């Protein structure tokens, strides 16, 4: 969905993963590292070593002002944001995206689907992409 290649042959992309120490976030960080992404990760302070060990290049404690605002420590804007945490306002996500950035939303809610429809109707350059998953036992094994 984000145009990344997991074999590392693509261009480096700046990605933010929120709640990177959670179940989905941990997998996202590891897969993004395979894709040659520069990863900024948010987490609770006690999980910094874990998140760094998974491959995060930059880290943000979500309780700090920069963590709440999702500001990259190096001042980078993000090409892709994967919000694994709930209730992050679109305005906060949008403010941190590059001009053609994408938000891949793994927390599907009715409001997300309405936002996707609105973005399509208005031809917005910044995209909100819902991630639909249908896990199968054999895929998980």
Protein backbone atom coordinates (compact mmCIF):
# COMPACT_ATOMS: atom_id res chain seq x y z
CA UNK A 1 0.00 0.00 0.00
CA UNK A 2 2.87 2.37 0.70
CA UNK A 3 4.88 1.38 -2.38
CA UNK A 4 7.71 -0.19 -0.39
CA UNK A 5 9.73 -3.22 -1.49
CA UNK A 6 10.61 -5.63 1.31
CA UNK A 7 13.79 -6.74 -0.48
CA UNK A 8 15.44 -3.36 0.20
CA UNK A 9 15.77 -2.38 -3.46
CA UNK A 10 13.48 0.65 -3.25
CA UNK A 11 14.34 4.20 -2.41
CA UNK A 12 14.75 5.14 1.23
CA UNK A 13 11.41 6.30 2.58
CA UNK A 14 10.81 8.17 5.84
CA UNK A 15 8.22 6.31 7.89
CA UNK A 16 6.62 6.96 11.27
CA UNK A 17 5.18 4.06 13.26
CA UNK A 18 3.16 5.02 16.32
CA UNK A 19 2.84 2.57 19.23
CA UNK A 20 5.87 0.75 17.85
CA UNK A 21 6.31 -1.37 20.96
CA UNK A 22 2.84 -2.92 20.56
CA UNK A 23 2.05 -6.09 18.64
CA UNK A 24 1.36 -4.54 15.22
CA UNK A 25 4.00 -1.84 15.67
CA UNK A 26 6.76 -4.37 16.35
CA UNK A 27 6.02 -6.20 13.11
CA UNK A 28 5.74 -2.94 11.18
CA UNK A 29 9.17 -1.72 12.31
CA UNK A 30 10.85 -5.00 11.37
CA UNK A 31 9.19 -5.18 7.94
CA UNK A 32 9.97 -1.52 7.23
CA UNK A 33 13.63 -2.12 8.04
CA UNK A 34 13.68 -4.80 5.33
CA UNK A 35 12.29 -2.18 2.93
CA UNK A 36 15.20 0.24 3.49
CA UNK A 37 12.97 2.69 5.35
CA UNK A 38 14.23 5.36 7.74
CA UNK A 39 11.98 4.64 10.72
CA UNK A 40 10.84 7.00 13.44
CA UNK A 41 8.95 5.17 16.17
CA UNK A 42 6.78 6.30 19.08
CA UNK A 43 6.51 4.22 22.25
CA UNK A 44 6.34 4.36 26.03
CA UNK A 45 9.71 5.32 27.58
CA UNK A 46 10.30 1.92 29.17
CA UNK A 47 10.34 0.29 25.69
CA UNK A 48 13.11 2.36 24.07
CA UNK A 49 15.66 -0.47 23.98
CA UNK A 50 13.12 -2.87 22.47
CA UNK A 51 12.10 -0.45 19.71
CA UNK A 52 15.71 0.40 18.85
CA UNK A 53 16.58 -3.33 18.72
CA UNK A 54 13.80 -3.87 16.17
CA UNK A 55 15.38 -1.34 13.80
CA UNK A 56 14.00 2.12 14.60
CA UNK A 57 16.38 4.88 13.49
CA UNK A 58 14.75 7.61 15.57
CA UNK A 59 12.65 7.24 18.69
CA UNK A 60 9.97 9.38 20.35
CA UNK A 61 8.45 8.91 23.78
CA UNK A 62 4.75 9.54 23.15
CA UNK A 63 4.43 11.42 26.46
CA UNK A 64 6.87 14.19 25.47
CA UNK A 65 5.73 17.30 23.56
CA UNK A 66 7.52 16.14 20.39
CA UNK A 67 6.04 12.67 20.81
CA UNK A 68 2.50 14.06 21.11
CA UNK A 69 3.08 16.22 18.02
CA UNK A 70 4.80 13.30 16.19
CA UNK A 71 7.76 15.56 15.33
CA UNK A 72 10.80 13.74 14.01
CA UNK A 73 13.92 14.41 16.11
CA UNK A 74 15.83 15.18 12.88
CA UNK A 75 13.06 17.44 11.53
CA UNK A 76 12.10 15.05 8.73
CA UNK A 77 8.61 14.91 7.28
CA UNK A 78 7.21 11.44 6.72
CA UNK A 79 6.43 9.80 3.40
CA UNK A 80 4.35 7.20 5.22
CA UNK A 81 2.74 7.13 8.66
CA UNK A 82 1.41 3.91 10.17
CA UNK A 83 -0.67 4.91 13.19
CA UNK A 84 -0.93 1.81 15.35
CA UNK A 85 -2.14 3.97 18.25
CA UNK A 86 -5.79 4.99 18.36
CA UNK A 87 -7.22 8.50 18.39
CA UNK A 88 -4.47 10.45 16.64
CA UNK A 89 -6.21 13.36 14.90
CA UNK A 90 -5.85 13.65 11.13
CA UNK A 91 -4.57 17.22 11.61
CA UNK A 92 -1.56 15.90 13.57
CA UNK A 93 -0.84 13.21 10.99
CA UNK A 94 -1.28 15.55 8.03
CA UNK A 95 1.02 18.21 9.50
CA UNK A 96 3.89 15.70 9.54
CA UNK A 97 3.45 14.25 6.04
CA UNK A 98 5.39 15.19 2.94
CA UNK A 99 3.32 16.82 0.19
CA UNK A 100 2.35 13.40 -1.25
CA UNK A 101 2.55 11.43 1.98
CA UNK A 102 0.34 8.49 2.89
CA UNK A 103 -1.25 7.36 6.12
CA UNK A 104 -1.80 3.59 6.17
CA UNK A 105 -4.47 3.15 8.83
CA UNK A 106 -4.58 -0.23 10.55
CA UNK A 107 -7.27 0.90 13.03
CA UNK A 108 -10.32 0.88 10.83
CA UNK A 109 -13.30 2.81 12.12
CA UNK A 110 -16.31 4.37 10.44
CA UNK A 111 -14.65 7.79 10.67
CA UNK A 112 -11.60 6.47 8.80
CA UNK A 113 -13.74 5.25 5.94
CA UNK A 114 -15.55 8.60 5.75
CA UNK A 115 -12.20 10.41 5.68
CA UNK A 116 -10.98 8.17 2.86
CA UNK A 117 -14.09 8.98 0.83
CA UNK A 118 -13.68 12.72 1.46
CA UNK A 119 -10.01 12.65 0.41
CA UNK A 120 -10.92 10.84 -2.81
CA UNK A 121 -13.71 13.29 -3.61
CA UNK A 122 -11.48 16.32 -3.05
CA UNK A 123 -8.48 14.80 -4.89
CA UNK A 124 -6.22 15.40 -1.90
CA UNK A 125 -2.52 14.69 -2.54
CA UNK A 126 -2.02 13.42 0.99
CA UNK A 127 -3.71 10.02 1.17
CA UNK A 128 -5.42 8.06 3.90
CA UNK A 129 -5.31 4.38 3.02
CA UNK A 130 -7.24 1.84 5.08
CA UNK A 131 -5.52 -1.51 5.55
CA UNK A 132 -7.95 -4.40 5.35
CA UNK A 133 -6.60 -7.71 6.58
CA UNK A 134 -8.03 -11.17 6.38
CA UNK A 135 -5.66 -13.36 8.42
CA UNK A 136 -5.42 -17.00 7.50
CA UNK A 137 -3.92 -19.70 9.67
CA UNK A 138 -1.46 -20.80 6.99
CA UNK A 139 -0.21 -17.24 6.44
CA UNK A 140 0.41 -16.78 10.16
CA UNK A 141 2.28 -20.07 10.38
